Amino acid sequence: MREPACAACGHTGLGVQVHHIKPFHLHPNLELDPDNLITLCEVKGREHHLLLGHLDNWESYNVNVRADVKRFHKKSEKEIRAHPEWLKAVLHRPMQ
C-alpha cells in the first residue's frame, strides 16, 4: 500500500480505509489509479473518511480532499466540524 496510514492523522491499524478521490461509479477508469486514492481513517473521534473524504455525507465526495487533509492535519472530529472552511465546503458539497 502506497499510503499505509491515514493521511489526515497518521493512524494505522483498524479503521484505515482507501478512499477514491473521484468516486468510482463516476470515474471507473480511475478505480486503481494511485493518484485517485488516499488513505483515511474511520475511527471514533476522528472520522476522517466521512468528514474529509465525503464532507459528512456518504453520498457526497470531496475533490479537495488532499488539500483538506493538510489543512486539518491531526485535527479531531470536533475541531473539523467547527472550522469555517469545512462548514463552507459542506454547504457546497457535490452529491453523487
PDB file of N, CA and C in Angstrom:
ATOM      1  N   MET A   1       0.845  -1.168   0.000  1.00  0.00           N
ATOM      2  CA  MET A   1       0.000   0.000   0.000  1.00  0.00           C
ATOM      3  C   MET A   1       0.897   1.239   0.000  1.00  0.00           C
ATOM      4  N   ARG A   2       0.610   2.150  -0.880  1.00  0.00           N
ATOM      5  CA  ARG A   2       1.417   3.363  -1.028  1.00  0.00           C
ATOM      6  C   ARG A   2       1.304   4.279   0.196  1.00  0.00           C
ATOM      7  N   GLU A   3       0.126   4.404   0.759  1.00  0.00           N
ATOM      8  CA  GLU A   3      -0.103   5.227   1.948  1.00  0.00           C
ATOM      9  C   GLU A   3      -0.710   4.331   3.028  1.00  0.00           C
ATOM     10  N   PRO A   4       0.121   3.712   3.877  1.00  0.00           N
ATOM     11  CA  PRO A   4      -0.409   2.762   4.861  1.00  0.00           C
ATOM     12  C   PRO A   4      -1.103   3.404   6.063  1.00  0.00           C
ATOM     13  N   ALA A   5      -0.978   4.715   6.230  1.00  0.00           N
ATOM     14  CA  ALA A   5      -1.574   5.407   7.370  1.00  0.00           C
ATOM     15  C   ALA A   5      -2.551   6.469   6.895  1.00  0.00           C
ATOM     16  N   CYS A   6      -3.461   6.842   7.765  1.00  0.00           N
ATOM     17  CA  CYS A   6      -4.414   7.914   7.455  1.00  0.00           C
ATOM     18  C   CYS A   6      -3.637   9.181   7.115  1.00  0.00           C
ATOM     19  N   ALA A   7      -3.944   9.758   5.977  1.00  0.00           N
ATOM     20  CA  ALA A   7      -3.246  10.971   5.526  1.00  0.00           C
ATOM     21  C   ALA A   7      -3.565  12.168   6.409  1.00  0.00           C
ATOM     22  N   ALA A   8      -4.661  12.116   7.150  1.00  0.00           N
ATOM     23  CA  ALA A   8      -5.067  13.244   7.987  1.00  0.00           C
ATOM     24  C   ALA A   8      -4.482  13.194   9.397  1.00  0.00           C
ATOM     25  N   CYS A   9      -4.201  11.981   9.891  1.00  0.00           N
ATOM     26  CA  CYS A   9      -3.745  11.903  11.285  1.00  0.00           C
ATOM     27  C   CYS A   9      -2.605  10.925  11.525  1.00  0.00           C
ATOM     28  N   GLY A  10      -2.307  10.079  10.547  1.00  0.00           N
ATOM     29  CA  GLY A  10      -1.224   9.121  10.720  1.00  0.00           C
ATOM     30  C   GLY A  10      -1.638   7.807  11.362  1.00  0.00           C
ATOM     31  N   HIS A  11      -2.918   7.630  11.667  1.00  0.00           N
ATOM     32  CA  HIS A  11      -3.404   6.399  12.296  1.00  0.00           C
ATOM     33  C   HIS A  11      -3.140   5.199  11.387  1.00  0.00           C
ATOM     34  N   THR A  12      -2.686   4.119  11.991  1.00  0.00           N
ATOM     35  CA  THR A  12      -2.528   2.849  11.288  1.00  0.00           C
ATOM     36  C   THR A  12      -3.331   1.800  12.045  1.00  0.00           C
ATOM     37  N   GLY A  13      -3.659   0.737  11.383  1.00  0.00           N
ATOM     38  CA  GLY A  13      -4.401  -0.335  12.059  1.00  0.00           C
ATOM     39  C   GLY A  13      -5.863  -0.332  11.686  1.00  0.00           C
ATOM     40  N   LEU A  14      -6.675  -0.848  12.595  1.00  0.00           N
ATOM     41  CA  LEU A  14      -8.107  -0.958  12.334  1.00  0.00           C
ATOM     42  C   LEU A  14      -8.710   0.413  12.084  1.00  0.00           C
ATOM     43  N   GLY A  15      -9.587   0.462  11.094  1.00  0.00           N
ATOM     44  CA  GLY A  15     -10.271   1.707  10.767  1.00  0.00           C
ATOM     45  C   GLY A  15      -9.643   2.478   9.623  1.00  0.00           C
ATOM     46  N   VAL A  16      -8.506   2.009   9.107  1.00  0.00           N
ATOM     47  CA  VAL A  16      -7.858   2.681   7.973  1.00  0.00           C
ATOM     48  C   VAL A  16      -8.491   2.162   6.688  1.00  0.00           C
ATOM     49  N   GLN A  17      -8.900   3.076   5.817  1.00  0.00           N
ATOM     50  CA  GLN A  17      -9.589   2.701   4.584  1.00  0.00           C
ATOM     51  C   GLN A  17      -9.020   3.467   3.397  1.00  0.00           C
ATOM     52  N   VAL A  18      -9.094   2.851   2.233  1.00  0.00           N
ATOM     53  CA  VAL A  18      -8.701   3.529   0.998  1.00  0.00           C
ATOM     54  C   VAL A  18      -9.926   4.277   0.475  1.00  0.00           C
ATOM     55  N   HIS A  19      -9.727   5.525   0.133  1.00  0.00           N
ATOM     56  CA  HIS A  19     -10.811   6.381  -0.349  1.00  0.00           C
ATOM     57  C   HIS A  19     -10.513   6.797  -1.794  1.00  0.00           C
ATOM     58  N   HIS A  20     -11.526   6.713  -2.656  1.00  0.00           N
ATOM     59  CA  HIS A  20     -11.413   7.212  -4.031  1.00  0.00           C
ATOM     60  C   HIS A  20     -11.711   8.702  -4.031  1.00  0.00           C
ATOM     61  N   ILE A  21     -10.787   9.508  -4.476  1.00  0.00           N
ATOM     62  CA  ILE A  21     -10.973  10.963  -4.511  1.00  0.00           C
ATOM     63  C   ILE A  21     -12.098  11.311  -5.480  1.00  0.00           C
ATOM     64  N   LYS A  22     -11.984  10.823  -6.688  1.00  0.00           N
ATOM     65  CA  LYS A  22     -13.085  10.924  -7.652  1.00  0.00           C
ATOM     66  C   LYS A  22     -13.837   9.602  -7.556  1.00  0.00           C
ATOM     67  N   PRO A  23     -15.125   9.639  -7.247  1.00  0.00           N
ATOM     68  CA  PRO A  23     -15.882   8.416  -6.984  1.00  0.00           C
ATOM     69  C   PRO A  23     -15.775   7.392  -8.115  1.00  0.00           C
ATOM     70  N   PHE A  24     -15.650   6.142  -7.681  1.00  0.00           N
ATOM     71  CA  PHE A  24     -15.513   5.033  -8.623  1.00  0.00           C
ATOM     72  C   PHE A  24     -16.687   4.960  -9.594  1.00  0.00           C
ATOM     73  N   HIS A  25     -17.908   5.151  -9.112  1.00  0.00           N
ATOM     74  CA  HIS A  25     -19.060   4.999 -10.007  1.00  0.00           C
ATOM     75  C   HIS A  25     -19.147   6.124 -11.043  1.00  0.00           C
ATOM     76  N   LEU A  26     -18.491   7.261 -10.788  1.00  0.00           N
ATOM     77  CA  LEU A  26     -18.456   8.343 -11.774  1.00  0.00           C
ATOM     78  C   LEU A  26     -17.214   8.272 -12.662  1.00  0.00           C
ATOM     79  N   HIS A  27     -16.157   7.666 -12.151  1.00  0.00           N
ATOM     80  CA  HIS A  27     -14.873   7.572 -12.865  1.00  0.00           C
ATOM     81  C   HIS A  27     -14.304   6.163 -12.725  1.00  0.00           C
ATOM     82  N   PRO A  28     -14.965   5.157 -13.297  1.00  0.00           N
ATOM     83  CA  PRO A  28     -14.495   3.776 -13.124  1.00  0.00           C
ATOM     84  C   PRO A  28     -13.088   3.541 -13.670  1.00  0.00           C
ATOM     85  N   ASN A  29     -12.670   4.360 -14.615  1.00  0.00           N
ATOM     86  CA  ASN A  29     -11.331   4.192 -15.181  1.00  0.00           C
ATOM     87  C   ASN A  29     -10.236   4.579 -14.176  1.00  0.00           C
ATOM     88  N   LEU A  30     -10.603   5.274 -13.103  1.00  0.00           N
ATOM     89  CA  LEU A  30      -9.631   5.695 -12.086  1.00  0.00           C
ATOM     90  C   LEU A  30      -9.638   4.800 -10.854  1.00  0.00           C
ATOM     91  N   GLU A  31     -10.340   3.670 -10.928  1.00  0.00           N
ATOM     92  CA  GLU A  31     -10.506   2.802  -9.756  1.00  0.00           C
ATOM     93  C   GLU A  31      -9.171   2.459  -9.090  1.00  0.00           C
ATOM     94  N   LEU A  32      -8.171   2.108  -9.853  1.00  0.00           N
ATOM     95  CA  LEU A  32      -6.887   1.691  -9.291  1.00  0.00           C
ATOM     96  C   LEU A  32      -5.764   2.699  -9.535  1.00  0.00           C
ATOM     97  N   ASP A  33      -6.100   3.872 -10.008  1.00  0.00           N
ATOM     98  CA  ASP A  33      -5.109   4.921 -10.241  1.00  0.00           C
ATOM     99  C   ASP A  33      -4.614   5.440  -8.887  1.00  0.00           C
ATOM    100  N   PRO A  34      -3.317   5.277  -8.589  1.00  0.00           N
ATOM    101  CA  PRO A  34      -2.802   5.709  -7.288  1.00  0.00           C
ATOM    102  C   PRO A  34      -3.011   7.200  -7.017  1.00  0.00           C
ATOM    103  N   ASP A  35      -3.096   8.005  -8.056  1.00  0.00           N
ATOM    104  CA  ASP A  35      -3.328   9.437  -7.867  1.00  0.00           C
ATOM    105  C   ASP A  35      -4.771   9.748  -7.476  1.00  0.00           C
ATOM    106  N   ASN A  36      -5.651   8.754  -7.587  1.00  0.00           N
ATOM    107  CA  ASN A  36      -7.050   8.931  -7.219  1.00  0.00           C
ATOM    108  C   ASN A  36      -7.371   8.271  -5.875  1.00  0.00           C
ATOM    109  N   LEU A  37      -6.365   7.770  -5.202  1.00  0.00           N
ATOM    110  CA  LEU A  37      -6.575   7.081  -3.934  1.00  0.00           C
ATOM    111  C   LEU A  37      -5.888   7.823  -2.794  1.00  0.00           C
ATOM    112  N   ILE A  38      -6.527   7.826  -1.655  1.00  0.00           N
ATOM    113  CA  ILE A  38      -5.944   8.406  -0.442  1.00  0.00           C
ATOM    114  C   ILE A  38      -6.409   7.543   0.730  1.00  0.00           C
ATOM    115  N   THR A  39      -5.549   7.368   1.703  1.00  0.00           N
ATOM    116  CA  THR A  39      -5.895   6.576   2.872  1.00  0.00           C
ATOM    117  C   THR A  39      -6.448   7.498   3.957  1.00  0.00           C
ATOM    118  N   LEU A  40      -7.630   7.158   4.450  1.00  0.00           N
ATOM    119  CA  LEU A  40      -8.280   7.919   5.511  1.00  0.00           C
ATOM    120  C   LEU A  40      -8.798   6.946   6.568  1.00  0.00           C
ATOM    121  N   CYS A  41      -8.947   7.427   7.791  1.00  0.00           N
ATOM    122  CA  CYS A  41      -9.428   6.544   8.850  1.00  0.00           C
ATOM    123  C   CYS A  41     -10.893   6.812   9.167  1.00  0.00           C
ATOM    124  N   GLU A  42     -11.509   5.790   9.690  1.00  0.00           N
ATOM    125  CA  GLU A  42     -12.885   5.881  10.180  1.00  0.00           C
ATOM    126  C   GLU A  42     -12.828   5.399  11.627  1.00  0.00           C
ATOM    127  N   VAL A  43     -12.234   6.249  12.469  1.00  0.00           N
ATOM    128  CA  VAL A  43     -12.008   5.937  13.875  1.00  0.00           C
ATOM    129  C   VAL A  43     -12.824   6.909  14.720  1.00  0.00           C
ATOM    130  N   LYS A  44     -13.483   6.414  15.731  1.00  0.00           N
ATOM    131  CA  LYS A  44     -14.326   7.256  16.577  1.00  0.00           C
ATOM    132  C   LYS A  44     -13.534   8.456  17.095  1.00  0.00           C
ATOM    133  N   GLY A  45     -14.129   9.630  16.936  1.00  0.00           N
ATOM    134  CA  GLY A  45     -13.492  10.860  17.384  1.00  0.00           C
ATOM    135  C   GLY A  45     -12.664  11.546  16.312  1.00  0.00           C
ATOM    136  N   ARG A  46     -12.463  10.838  15.188  1.00  0.00           N
ATOM    137  CA  ARG A  46     -11.731  11.429  14.063  1.00  0.00           C
ATOM    138  C   ARG A  46     -12.603  11.429  12.817  1.00  0.00           C
ATOM    139  N   GLU A  47     -13.066  10.247  12.427  1.00  0.00           N
ATOM    140  CA  GLU A  47     -13.987  10.117  11.289  1.00  0.00           C
ATOM    141  C   GLU A  47     -13.481  10.806  10.031  1.00  0.00           C
ATOM    142  N   HIS A  48     -12.179  10.733   9.757  1.00  0.00           N
ATOM    143  CA  HIS A  48     -11.599  11.446   8.615  1.00  0.00           C
ATOM    144  C   HIS A  48     -12.155  10.986   7.272  1.00  0.00           C
ATOM    145  N   HIS A  49     -12.502   9.714   7.139  1.00  0.00           N
ATOM    146  CA  HIS A  49     -13.063   9.246   5.873  1.00  0.00           C
ATOM    147  C   HIS A  49     -14.389   9.960   5.589  1.00  0.00           C
ATOM    148  N   LEU A  50     -15.271   9.980   6.569  1.00  0.00           N
ATOM    149  CA  LEU A  50     -16.577  10.631   6.386  1.00  0.00           C
ATOM    150  C   LEU A  50     -16.436  12.154   6.293  1.00  0.00           C
ATOM    151  N   LEU A  51     -15.700  12.754   7.218  1.00  0.00           N
ATOM    152  CA  LEU A  51     -15.630  14.218   7.287  1.00  0.00           C
ATOM    153  C   LEU A  51     -14.837  14.846   6.151  1.00  0.00           C
ATOM    154  N   LEU A  52     -13.695  14.286   5.821  1.00  0.00           N
ATOM    155  CA  LEU A  52     -12.840  14.884   4.792  1.00  0.00           C
ATOM    156  C   LEU A  52     -13.051  14.253   3.418  1.00  0.00           C
ATOM    157  N   GLY A  53     -13.270  12.962   3.375  1.00  0.00           N
ATOM    158  CA  GLY A  53     -13.472  12.290   2.096  1.00  0.00           C
ATOM    159  C   GLY A  53     -14.852  12.493   1.503  1.00  0.00           C
ATOM    160  N   HIS A  54     -15.853  12.608   2.390  1.00  0.00           N
ATOM    161  CA  HIS A  54     -17.243  12.704   1.933  1.00  0.00           C
ATOM    162  C   HIS A  54     -17.974  13.941   2.447  1.00  0.00           C
ATOM    163  N   LEU A  55     -17.264  14.834   3.103  1.00  0.00           N
ATOM    164  CA  LEU A  55     -17.856  16.076   3.619  1.00  0.00           C
ATOM    165  C   LEU A  55     -19.121  15.815   4.429  1.00  0.00           C
ATOM    166  N   ASP A  56     -19.025  14.773   5.286  1.00  0.00           N
ATOM    167  CA  ASP A  56     -20.073  14.423   6.247  1.00  0.00           C
ATOM    168  C   ASP A  56     -21.344  13.869   5.615  1.00  0.00           C
ATOM    169  N   ASN A  57     -21.233  13.334   4.416  1.00  0.00           N
ATOM    170  CA  ASN A  57     -22.381  12.704   3.771  1.00  0.00           C
ATOM    171  C   ASN A  57     -21.847  11.623   2.838  1.00  0.00           C
ATOM    172  N   TRP A  58     -22.156  10.360   3.134  1.00  0.00           N
ATOM    173  CA  TRP A  58     -21.613   9.251   2.335  1.00  0.00           C
ATOM    174  C   TRP A  58     -22.008   9.346   0.859  1.00  0.00           C
ATOM    175  N   GLU A  59     -23.016  10.121   0.521  1.00  0.00           N
ATOM    176  CA  GLU A  59     -23.436  10.264  -0.873  1.00  0.00           C
ATOM    177  C   GLU A  59     -22.750  11.435  -1.564  1.00  0.00           C
ATOM    178  N   SER A  60     -21.773  12.046  -0.902  1.00  0.00           N
ATOM    179  CA  SER A  60     -21.029  13.165  -1.456  1.00  0.00           C
ATOM    180  C   SER A  60     -19.560  12.770  -1.611  1.00  0.00           C
ATOM    181  N   TYR A  61     -18.777  13.672  -2.139  1.00  0.00           N
ATOM    182  CA  TYR A  61     -17.335  13.462  -2.262  1.00  0.00           C
ATOM    183  C   TYR A  61     -16.640  14.809  -2.189  1.00  0.00           C
ATOM    184  N   ASN A  62     -15.342  14.770  -1.953  1.00  0.00           N
ATOM    185  CA  ASN A  62     -14.567  15.986  -1.776  1.00  0.00           C
ATOM    186  C   ASN A  62     -13.382  15.967  -2.729  1.00  0.00           C
ATOM    187  N   VAL A  63     -13.469  16.715  -3.814  1.00  0.00           N
ATOM    188  CA  VAL A  63     -12.364  16.741  -4.791  1.00  0.00           C
ATOM    189  C   VAL A  63     -11.134  17.455  -4.227  1.00  0.00           C
ATOM    190  N   ASN A  64     -11.303  18.181  -3.121  1.00  0.00           N
ATOM    191  CA  ASN A  64     -10.182  18.885  -2.483  1.00  0.00           C
ATOM    192  C   ASN A  64      -9.664  18.140  -1.256  1.00  0.00           C
ATOM    193  N   VAL A  65      -9.893  16.850  -1.215  1.00  0.00           N
ATOM    194  CA  VAL A  65      -9.547  16.079  -0.023  1.00  0.00           C
ATOM    195  C   VAL A  65      -8.046  16.141   0.295  1.00  0.00           C
ATOM    196  N   ARG A  66      -7.180  16.136  -0.700  1.00  0.00           N
ATOM    197  CA  ARG A  66      -5.735  16.203  -0.410  1.00  0.00           C
ATOM    198  C   ARG A  66      -5.360  17.518   0.282  1.00  0.00           C
ATOM    199  N   ALA A  67      -5.912  18.620  -0.167  1.00  0.00           N
ATOM    200  CA  ALA A  67      -5.652  19.916   0.487  1.00  0.00           C
ATOM    201  C   ALA A  67      -6.272  19.932   1.884  1.00  0.00           C
ATOM    202  N   ASP A  68      -7.440  19.327   2.022  1.00  0.00           N
ATOM    203  CA  ASP A  68      -8.110  19.329   3.319  1.00  0.00           C
ATOM    204  C   ASP A  68      -7.383  18.478   4.355  1.00  0.00           C
ATOM    205  N   VAL A  69      -6.779  17.368   3.952  1.00  0.00           N
ATOM    206  CA  VAL A  69      -6.038  16.577   4.944  1.00  0.00           C
ATOM    207  C   VAL A  69      -4.828  17.357   5.455  1.00  0.00           C
ATOM    208  N   LYS A  70      -4.279  18.221   4.633  1.00  0.00           N
ATOM    209  CA  LYS A  70      -3.185  19.084   5.103  1.00  0.00           C
ATOM    210  C   LYS A  70      -3.734  20.174   6.023  1.00  0.00           C
ATOM    211  N   ARG A  71      -4.832  20.782   5.638  1.00  0.00           N
ATOM    212  CA  ARG A  71      -5.447  21.858   6.436  1.00  0.00           C
ATOM    213  C   ARG A  71      -5.868  21.348   7.815  1.00  0.00           C
ATOM    214  N   PHE A  72      -6.408  20.130   7.864  1.00  0.00           N
ATOM    215  CA  PHE A  72      -6.946  19.590   9.109  1.00  0.00           C
ATOM    216  C   PHE A  72      -6.059  18.501   9.711  1.00  0.00           C
ATOM    217  N   HIS A  73      -4.793  18.518   9.378  1.00  0.00           N
ATOM    218  CA  HIS A  73      -3.854  17.508   9.876  1.00  0.00           C
ATOM    219  C   HIS A  73      -3.878  17.444  11.409  1.00  0.00           C
ATOM    220  N   LYS A  74      -4.085  16.248  11.908  1.00  0.00           N
ATOM    221  CA  LYS A  74      -4.105  15.965  13.354  1.00  0.00           C
ATOM    222  C   LYS A  74      -5.295  16.594  14.092  1.00  0.00           C
ATOM    223  N   LYS A  75      -6.309  17.042  13.363  1.00  0.00           N
ATOM    224  CA  LYS A  75      -7.486  17.642  13.998  1.00  0.00           C
ATOM    225  C   LYS A  75      -8.520  16.569  14.330  1.00  0.00           C
ATOM    226  N   SER A  76      -9.211  16.779  15.412  1.00  0.00           N
ATOM    227  CA  SER A  76     -10.273  15.865  15.830  1.00  0.00           C
ATOM    228  C   SER A  76     -11.547  16.140  15.039  1.00  0.00           C
ATOM    229  N   GLU A  77     -12.507  15.235  15.177  1.00  0.00           N
ATOM    230  CA  GLU A  77     -13.815  15.423  14.536  1.00  0.00           C
ATOM    231  C   GLU A  77     -14.437  16.741  14.992  1.00  0.00           C
ATOM    232  N   LYS A  78     -14.375  17.021  16.276  1.00  0.00           N
ATOM    233  CA  LYS A  78     -14.958  18.248  16.827  1.00  0.00           C
ATOM    234  C   LYS A  78     -14.293  19.494  16.234  1.00  0.00           C
ATOM    235  N   GLU A  79     -12.972  19.485  16.116  1.00  0.00           N
ATOM    236  CA  GLU A  79     -12.253  20.633  15.557  1.00  0.00           C
ATOM    237  C   GLU A  79     -12.592  20.846  14.088  1.00  0.00           C
ATOM    238  N   ILE A  80     -12.691  19.761  13.346  1.00  0.00           N
ATOM    239  CA  ILE A  80     -13.019  19.861  11.919  1.00  0.00           C
ATOM    240  C   ILE A  80     -14.432  20.418  11.746  1.00  0.00           C
ATOM    241  N   ARG A  81     -15.388  19.867  12.483  1.00  0.00           N
ATOM    242  CA  ARG A  81     -16.785  20.307  12.365  1.00  0.00           C
ATOM    243  C   ARG A  81     -16.972  21.785  12.717  1.00  0.00           C
ATOM    244  N   ALA A  82     -16.091  22.341  13.532  1.00  0.00           N
ATOM    245  CA  ALA A  82     -16.211  23.742  13.957  1.00  0.00           C
ATOM    246  C   ALA A  82     -15.473  24.709  13.036  1.00  0.00           C
ATOM    247  N   HIS A  83     -14.698  24.191  12.094  1.00  0.00           N
ATOM    248  CA  HIS A  83     -13.862  25.054  11.250  1.00  0.00           C
ATOM    249  C   HIS A  83     -14.696  25.698  10.135  1.00  0.00           C
ATOM    250  N   PRO A  84     -14.608  27.025   9.970  1.00  0.00           N
ATOM    251  CA  PRO A  84     -15.413  27.730   8.948  1.00  0.00           C
ATOM    252  C   PRO A  84     -15.173  27.244   7.519  1.00  0.00           C
ATOM    253  N   GLU A  85     -13.947  26.891   7.174  1.00  0.00           N
ATOM    254  CA  GLU A  85     -13.669  26.412   5.806  1.00  0.00           C
ATOM    255  C   GLU A  85     -14.353  25.075   5.542  1.00  0.00           C
ATOM    256  N   TRP A  86     -14.371  24.203   6.532  1.00  0.00           N
ATOM    257  CA  TRP A  86     -15.034  22.912   6.371  1.00  0.00           C
ATOM    258  C   TRP A  86     -16.542  23.128   6.257  1.00  0.00           C
ATOM    259  N   LEU A  87     -17.089  23.989   7.103  1.00  0.00           N
ATOM    260  CA  LEU A  87     -18.525  24.271   7.054  1.00  0.00           C
ATOM    261  C   LEU A  87     -18.935  24.838   5.690  1.00  0.00           C
ATOM    262  N   LYS A  88     -18.102  25.675   5.126  1.00  0.00           N
ATOM    263  CA  LYS A  88     -18.371  26.235   3.797  1.00  0.00           C
ATOM    264  C   LYS A  88     -18.350  25.134   2.732  1.00  0.00           C
ATOM    265  N   ALA A  89     -17.371  24.236   2.822  1.00  0.00           N
ATOM    266  CA  ALA A  89     -17.278  23.126   1.859  1.00  0.00           C
ATOM    267  C   ALA A  89     -18.505  22.226   1.948  1.00  0.00           C
ATOM    268  N   VAL A  90     -18.989  21.977   3.161  1.00  0.00           N
ATOM    269  CA  VAL A  90     -20.177  21.135   3.351  1.00  0.00           C
ATOM    270  C   VAL A  90     -21.393  21.765   2.667  1.00  0.00           C
ATOM    271  N   LEU A  91     -21.520  23.064   2.752  1.00  0.00           N
ATOM    272  CA  LEU A  91     -22.651  23.749   2.122  1.00  0.00           C
ATOM    273  C   LEU A  91     -22.639  23.627   0.599  1.00  0.00           C
ATOM    274  N   HIS A  92     -21.452  23.454   0.017  1.00  0.00           N
ATOM    275  CA  HIS A  92     -21.316  23.381  -1.437  1.00  0.00           C
ATOM    276  C   HIS A  92     -20.859  22.013  -1.931  1.00  0.00           C
ATOM    277  N   ARG A  93     -21.013  20.996  -1.117  1.00  0.00           N
ATOM    278  CA  ARG A  93     -20.536  19.657  -1.491  1.00  0.00           C
ATOM    279  C   ARG A  93     -21.320  19.105  -2.673  1.00  0.00           C
ATOM    280  N   PRO A  94     -20.615  18.425  -3.556  1.00  0.00           N
ATOM    281  CA  PRO A  94     -21.313  17.762  -4.676  1.00  0.00           C
ATOM    282  C   PRO A  94     -22.007  16.495  -4.192  1.00  0.00           C
ATOM    283  N   MET A  95     -23.090  16.162  -4.798  1.00  0.00           N
ATOM    284  CA  MET A  95     -23.783  14.917  -4.476  1.00  0.00           C
ATOM    285  C   MET A  95     -23.614  13.955  -5.642  1.00  0.00           C
ATOM    286  N   GLN A  96     -23.453  12.690  -5.308  1.00  0.00           N
ATOM    287  CA  GLN A  96     -23.173  11.681  -6.325  1.00  0.00           C
ATOM    288  C   GLN A  96     -24.365  11.366  -7.164  1.00  0.00           C
TER     289      GLN A  96
END
